[in-house]
Structures are given as C-alpha cells and as structure tokens.
Amino acid sequence: MRERGNARFVPTRSVTVAFEARDKPRAYGVVANLSDGGACLWTDASLEAGQRVSLAVSFARESHPVPAEARVVWTSPEKGSGGRRYGVQWDKEAPEARNLRRLISESA
C-alpha cells in the first residue's frame, strides 16, 4: 500500500466545490477530506484519472470561492444515486496555491 505524503482530515466546516473540465458541463460536489496535497470529492460528475480540472473551492465563512487547478488521480465506482468519489491533486505551482493552503490549514 502506498503511503500518503500529506495528512488528510475531514473539514470541521462545510467545504464545497464547483469544477469545470474541458468538454464537460460545470459540476458541483462536496469535499469529503482534504490536505495540502489534494482532496477527495463526492460528485455525480463523470471524470477520468489524469484529467485536469479547474476548481472553485468554497470554504464556510469565506466570501468568495478559491480558484484551484488540480488533476484527477483516482476514481471510485459509482454507488447508486450517491455519485462517485474522486481524488484530486492540487497544482502547487498555480498562483492561488498559497491562499488555498492557508484556508486548508485553517479548516483543520
């Protein structure tokens, strides 16, 4: 089993996400857990491993969503009408990465 490089946690306040991918309609989801390295998202959207997505991450008590770039690194099978889980890895070189890391640490 592969060991994770970043400690994950379940946010104490609601964190939601809207994301866009090329040739796909805008989709929405809920963040199940997150870390400095990425997040696990629940959504009914259809994404593929390796796909790049543009995210708008909404943290409770923040006035605006935080833009973030990520890559889908794993997917899970669909579970009934509850949608799928996807693992995304943040693009740490993106200009918004510092603000995203700050909000993640404050949500822990």
N, C-alpha and C. Protein backbone atom coordinates (compact mmCIF):
# COMPACT_ATOMS: atom_id res chain seq x y z
N MET A 1 0.84 -1.18 0.00
CA MET A 1 0.00 0.00 0.00
C MET A 1 0.89 1.24 0.00
N ARG A 2 0.53 2.22 -0.82
CA ARG A 2 1.30 3.45 -0.93
C ARG A 2 1.03 4.36 0.26
N GLU A 3 2.07 4.90 0.84
CA GLU A 3 1.91 5.82 1.96
C GLU A 3 1.66 7.22 1.44
N ARG A 4 0.78 7.94 2.09
CA ARG A 4 0.44 9.29 1.66
C ARG A 4 1.50 10.28 2.14
N GLY A 5 1.73 11.29 1.32
CA GLY A 5 2.71 12.32 1.66
C GLY A 5 2.15 13.43 2.52
N ASN A 6 0.82 13.59 2.55
CA ASN A 6 0.18 14.65 3.31
C ASN A 6 -0.90 14.07 4.20
N ALA A 7 -0.99 14.59 5.42
CA ALA A 7 -2.05 14.15 6.33
C ALA A 7 -3.39 14.68 5.85
N ARG A 8 -4.38 13.80 5.76
CA ARG A 8 -5.72 14.20 5.36
C ARG A 8 -6.58 14.44 6.59
N PHE A 9 -7.60 15.28 6.43
CA PHE A 9 -8.55 15.48 7.51
C PHE A 9 -9.92 15.79 6.92
N VAL A 10 -10.94 15.52 7.71
CA VAL A 10 -12.30 15.87 7.33
C VAL A 10 -12.54 17.28 7.85
N PRO A 11 -12.94 18.21 6.98
CA PRO A 11 -13.13 19.59 7.43
C PRO A 11 -14.17 19.69 8.53
N THR A 12 -13.93 20.58 9.48
CA THR A 12 -14.88 20.78 10.57
C THR A 12 -16.07 21.62 10.13
N ARG A 13 -15.90 22.38 9.05
CA ARG A 13 -16.98 23.16 8.44
C ARG A 13 -17.14 22.72 6.99
N SER A 14 -18.30 22.96 6.46
CA SER A 14 -18.61 22.55 5.09
C SER A 14 -17.65 23.15 4.07
N VAL A 15 -17.16 22.30 3.16
CA VAL A 15 -16.35 22.74 2.03
C VAL A 15 -16.97 22.12 0.78
N THR A 16 -17.36 22.97 -0.16
CA THR A 16 -17.95 22.50 -1.40
C THR A 16 -17.06 22.91 -2.56
N VAL A 17 -17.34 22.34 -3.72
CA VAL A 17 -16.51 22.62 -4.88
C VAL A 17 -17.37 22.64 -6.14
N ALA A 18 -17.05 23.58 -7.01
CA ALA A 18 -17.61 23.61 -8.36
C ALA A 18 -16.42 23.39 -9.27
N PHE A 19 -16.58 22.57 -10.28
CA PHE A 19 -15.43 22.36 -11.15
C PHE A 19 -15.83 22.28 -12.60
N GLU A 20 -14.84 22.64 -13.42
CA GLU A 20 -15.03 22.62 -14.85
C GLU A 20 -13.88 21.86 -15.47
N ALA A 21 -14.20 21.11 -16.48
CA ALA A 21 -13.20 20.38 -17.24
C ALA A 21 -13.54 20.58 -18.71
N ARG A 22 -12.52 20.53 -19.54
CA ARG A 22 -12.74 20.74 -20.96
C ARG A 22 -13.78 19.75 -21.49
N ASP A 23 -14.71 20.24 -22.28
CA ASP A 23 -15.75 19.44 -22.91
C ASP A 23 -16.72 18.79 -21.93
N LYS A 24 -16.80 19.31 -20.70
CA LYS A 24 -17.75 18.79 -19.71
C LYS A 24 -18.53 19.96 -19.13
N PRO A 25 -19.80 19.74 -18.77
CA PRO A 25 -20.56 20.82 -18.13
C PRO A 25 -20.04 21.09 -16.72
N ARG A 26 -20.32 22.27 -16.20
CA ARG A 26 -19.94 22.61 -14.83
C ARG A 26 -20.60 21.62 -13.89
N ALA A 27 -19.86 21.17 -12.89
CA ALA A 27 -20.37 20.20 -11.93
C ALA A 27 -20.09 20.69 -10.52
N TYR A 28 -20.80 20.13 -9.57
CA TYR A 28 -20.67 20.53 -8.16
C TYR A 28 -20.45 19.30 -7.31
N GLY A 29 -19.80 19.50 -6.18
CA GLY A 29 -19.55 18.38 -5.28
C GLY A 29 -19.26 18.85 -3.87
N VAL A 30 -18.99 17.88 -3.02
CA VAL A 30 -18.68 18.12 -1.62
C VAL A 30 -17.31 17.54 -1.35
N VAL A 31 -16.54 18.23 -0.55
CA VAL A 31 -15.21 17.76 -0.18
C VAL A 31 -15.36 16.81 1.00
N ALA A 32 -14.96 15.55 0.80
CA ALA A 32 -15.04 14.54 1.87
C ALA A 32 -13.87 14.69 2.83
N ASN A 33 -12.66 14.89 2.28
CA ASN A 33 -11.48 15.16 3.09
C ASN A 33 -10.49 15.90 2.23
N LEU A 34 -9.53 16.55 2.86
CA LEU A 34 -8.55 17.30 2.10
C LEU A 34 -7.23 17.41 2.84
N SER A 35 -6.22 17.83 2.10
CA SER A 35 -4.88 18.03 2.65
C SER A 35 -4.18 19.06 1.79
N ASP A 36 -2.95 19.38 2.17
CA ASP A 36 -2.15 20.30 1.36
C ASP A 36 -1.90 19.72 -0.03
N GLY A 37 -1.97 18.40 -0.16
CA GLY A 37 -1.67 17.76 -1.43
C GLY A 37 -2.86 17.58 -2.35
N GLY A 38 -4.08 17.52 -1.80
CA GLY A 38 -5.24 17.28 -2.64
C GLY A 38 -6.50 17.10 -1.83
N ALA A 39 -7.51 16.48 -2.46
CA ALA A 39 -8.81 16.31 -1.80
C ALA A 39 -9.53 15.10 -2.37
N CYS A 40 -10.48 14.61 -1.60
CA CYS A 40 -11.42 13.59 -2.04
C CYS A 40 -12.76 14.29 -2.22
N LEU A 41 -13.32 14.19 -3.43
CA LEU A 41 -14.56 14.87 -3.76
C LEU A 41 -15.68 13.88 -4.03
N TRP A 42 -16.88 14.16 -3.52
CA TRP A 42 -18.10 13.41 -3.85
C TRP A 42 -18.85 14.23 -4.89
N THR A 43 -19.20 13.63 -6.02
CA THR A 43 -19.95 14.33 -7.05
C THR A 43 -20.64 13.33 -7.97
N ASP A 44 -21.63 13.80 -8.70
CA ASP A 44 -22.27 12.94 -9.70
C ASP A 44 -21.70 13.20 -11.09
N ALA A 45 -20.65 14.01 -11.18
CA ALA A 45 -20.00 14.28 -12.46
C ALA A 45 -19.20 13.06 -12.91
N SER A 46 -18.86 13.04 -14.17
CA SER A 46 -18.06 11.95 -14.73
C SER A 46 -16.67 12.49 -15.10
N LEU A 47 -15.67 12.06 -14.34
CA LEU A 47 -14.29 12.49 -14.58
C LEU A 47 -13.42 11.26 -14.79
N GLU A 48 -12.26 11.47 -15.38
CA GLU A 48 -11.34 10.37 -15.63
C GLU A 48 -10.00 10.64 -14.98
N ALA A 49 -9.33 9.59 -14.53
CA ALA A 49 -8.00 9.72 -13.96
C ALA A 49 -7.09 10.37 -15.01
N GLY A 50 -6.28 11.32 -14.55
CA GLY A 50 -5.37 12.04 -15.42
C GLY A 50 -5.95 13.34 -15.95
N GLN A 51 -7.25 13.51 -15.84
CA GLN A 51 -7.91 14.71 -16.34
C GLN A 51 -7.57 15.92 -15.48
N ARG A 52 -7.33 17.07 -16.10
CA ARG A 52 -7.10 18.32 -15.38
C ARG A 52 -8.43 19.04 -15.21
N VAL A 53 -8.65 19.62 -14.02
CA VAL A 53 -9.89 20.33 -13.74
C VAL A 53 -9.57 21.68 -13.09
N SER A 54 -10.43 22.64 -13.37
CA SER A 54 -10.37 23.95 -12.71
C SER A 54 -11.45 23.95 -11.64
N LEU A 55 -11.06 24.24 -10.42
CA LEU A 55 -11.98 24.17 -9.29
C LEU A 55 -12.25 25.55 -8.70
N ALA A 56 -13.40 25.67 -8.09
CA ALA A 56 -13.73 26.82 -7.25
C ALA A 56 -14.13 26.21 -5.91
N VAL A 57 -13.22 26.31 -4.94
CA VAL A 57 -13.42 25.67 -3.63
C VAL A 57 -14.04 26.69 -2.68
N SER A 58 -15.19 26.34 -2.11
CA SER A 58 -15.91 27.25 -1.21
C SER A 58 -15.78 26.77 0.23
N PHE A 59 -15.09 27.55 1.02
CA PHE A 59 -14.93 27.27 2.44
C PHE A 59 -15.98 28.06 3.21
N ALA A 60 -16.54 27.45 4.25
CA ALA A 60 -17.52 28.13 5.10
C ALA A 60 -16.90 29.42 5.63
N ARG A 61 -17.70 30.45 5.67
CA ARG A 61 -17.31 31.77 6.19
C ARG A 61 -16.33 32.54 5.31
N GLU A 62 -16.05 32.05 4.12
CA GLU A 62 -15.24 32.81 3.16
C GLU A 62 -16.20 33.48 2.18
N SER A 63 -15.95 34.72 1.83
CA SER A 63 -16.88 35.46 0.97
C SER A 63 -16.82 35.03 -0.49
N HIS A 64 -15.69 34.48 -0.94
CA HIS A 64 -15.56 34.08 -2.35
C HIS A 64 -14.92 32.70 -2.45
N PRO A 65 -15.33 31.93 -3.46
CA PRO A 65 -14.66 30.65 -3.70
C PRO A 65 -13.19 30.87 -4.07
N VAL A 66 -12.35 29.91 -3.74
CA VAL A 66 -10.93 29.98 -4.05
C VAL A 66 -10.67 29.18 -5.32
N PRO A 67 -10.12 29.81 -6.35
CA PRO A 67 -9.81 29.04 -7.56
C PRO A 67 -8.63 28.12 -7.30
N ALA A 68 -8.66 26.96 -7.93
CA ALA A 68 -7.57 26.00 -7.79
C ALA A 68 -7.52 25.13 -9.04
N GLU A 69 -6.33 24.74 -9.41
CA GLU A 69 -6.13 23.82 -10.52
C GLU A 69 -5.74 22.48 -9.93
N ALA A 70 -6.24 21.40 -10.50
CA ALA A 70 -5.95 20.06 -9.96
C ALA A 70 -5.99 19.04 -11.09
N ARG A 71 -5.50 17.86 -10.75
CA ARG A 71 -5.51 16.72 -11.66
C ARG A 71 -6.19 15.56 -10.94
N VAL A 72 -7.10 14.87 -11.63
CA VAL A 72 -7.77 13.70 -11.05
C VAL A 72 -6.75 12.57 -10.99
N VAL A 73 -6.51 12.02 -9.79
CA VAL A 73 -5.51 10.97 -9.64
C VAL A 73 -6.13 9.60 -9.39
N TRP A 74 -7.39 9.55 -8.94
CA TRP A 74 -8.07 8.27 -8.81
C TRP A 74 -9.58 8.49 -8.85
N THR A 75 -10.29 7.41 -9.18
CA THR A 75 -11.75 7.44 -9.21
C THR A 75 -12.27 6.19 -8.51
N SER A 76 -13.50 6.26 -8.02
CA SER A 76 -14.14 5.08 -7.42
C SER A 76 -15.37 4.74 -8.24
N PRO A 77 -15.84 3.51 -8.15
CA PRO A 77 -17.06 3.14 -8.87
C PRO A 77 -18.26 3.93 -8.34
N GLU A 78 -19.27 4.12 -9.19
CA GLU A 78 -20.47 4.83 -8.78
C GLU A 78 -21.23 3.98 -7.77
N LYS A 79 -21.77 4.62 -6.74
CA LYS A 79 -22.53 3.94 -5.70
C LYS A 79 -23.96 4.43 -5.73
N GLY A 80 -24.82 3.77 -6.49
CA GLY A 80 -26.23 4.15 -6.57
C GLY A 80 -26.38 5.58 -7.04
N SER A 81 -27.29 6.31 -6.41
CA SER A 81 -27.52 7.70 -6.80
C SER A 81 -26.61 8.66 -6.03
N GLY A 82 -25.73 8.12 -5.20
CA GLY A 82 -24.86 8.97 -4.39
C GLY A 82 -23.67 9.53 -5.12
N GLY A 83 -23.48 9.14 -6.35
CA GLY A 83 -22.37 9.67 -7.13
C GLY A 83 -21.10 8.89 -6.91
N ARG A 84 -20.01 9.52 -7.30
CA ARG A 84 -18.68 8.91 -7.22
C ARG A 84 -17.76 9.74 -6.36
N ARG A 85 -16.69 9.08 -5.94
CA ARG A 85 -15.61 9.78 -5.24
C ARG A 85 -14.45 9.90 -6.22
N TYR A 86 -13.79 11.05 -6.15
CA TYR A 86 -12.61 11.30 -6.97
C TYR A 86 -11.51 11.87 -6.09
N GLY A 87 -10.31 11.44 -6.33
CA GLY A 87 -9.16 12.03 -5.66
C GLY A 87 -8.50 13.01 -6.60
N VAL A 88 -8.28 14.23 -6.13
CA VAL A 88 -7.60 15.23 -6.95
C VAL A 88 -6.33 15.68 -6.25
N GLN A 89 -5.34 16.01 -7.05
CA GLN A 89 -4.06 16.51 -6.54
C GLN A 89 -3.94 17.97 -6.98
N TRP A 90 -3.70 18.86 -5.99
CA TRP A 90 -3.58 20.29 -6.29
C TRP A 90 -2.35 20.55 -7.16
N ASP A 91 -2.47 21.55 -8.02
CA ASP A 91 -1.33 22.06 -8.78
C ASP A 91 -0.64 23.08 -7.88
N LYS A 92 0.46 22.68 -7.26
CA LYS A 92 1.14 23.55 -6.28
C LYS A 92 1.85 24.72 -6.92
N GLU A 93 1.98 24.71 -8.25
CA GLU A 93 2.62 25.82 -8.95
C GLU A 93 1.62 26.91 -9.34
N ALA A 94 0.33 26.65 -9.20
CA ALA A 94 -0.69 27.63 -9.57
C ALA A 94 -0.59 28.86 -8.66
N PRO A 95 -0.89 30.04 -9.18
CA PRO A 95 -0.78 31.27 -8.38
C PRO A 95 -1.64 31.27 -7.12
N GLU A 96 -2.75 30.55 -7.13
CA GLU A 96 -3.67 30.55 -5.99
C GLU A 96 -3.29 29.53 -4.92
N ALA A 97 -2.25 28.76 -5.13
CA ALA A 97 -1.91 27.64 -4.24
C ALA A 97 -1.64 28.09 -2.81
N ARG A 98 -0.98 29.21 -2.61
CA ARG A 98 -0.66 29.68 -1.25
C ARG A 98 -1.94 29.99 -0.47
N ASN A 99 -2.89 30.69 -1.08
CA ASN A 99 -4.15 31.00 -0.42
C ASN A 99 -4.93 29.74 -0.11
N LEU A 100 -4.92 28.79 -1.03
CA LEU A 100 -5.60 27.51 -0.81
C LEU A 100 -4.99 26.79 0.39
N ARG A 101 -3.67 26.71 0.47
CA ARG A 101 -3.01 26.04 1.60
C ARG A 101 -3.37 26.71 2.93
N ARG A 102 -3.44 28.04 2.93
CA ARG A 102 -3.81 28.78 4.16
C ARG A 102 -5.21 28.38 4.61
N LEU A 103 -6.17 28.37 3.68
CA LEU A 103 -7.54 28.03 4.04
C LEU A 103 -7.67 26.57 4.49
N ILE A 104 -6.90 25.69 3.88
CA ILE A 104 -6.93 24.28 4.28
C ILE A 104 -6.42 24.15 5.71
N SER A 105 -5.33 24.82 6.04
CA SER A 105 -4.79 24.72 7.41
C SER A 105 -5.75 25.32 8.43
N GLU A 106 -6.48 26.35 8.06
CA GLU A 106 -7.47 26.95 8.97
C GLU A 106 -8.70 26.08 9.14
N SER A 107 -8.97 25.19 8.19
CA SER A 107 -10.14 24.32 8.27
C SER A 107 -9.90 23.05 9.07
N ALA A 108 -8.64 22.77 9.36
CA ALA A 108 -8.28 21.53 10.06
C ALA A 108 -8.80 21.51 11.48
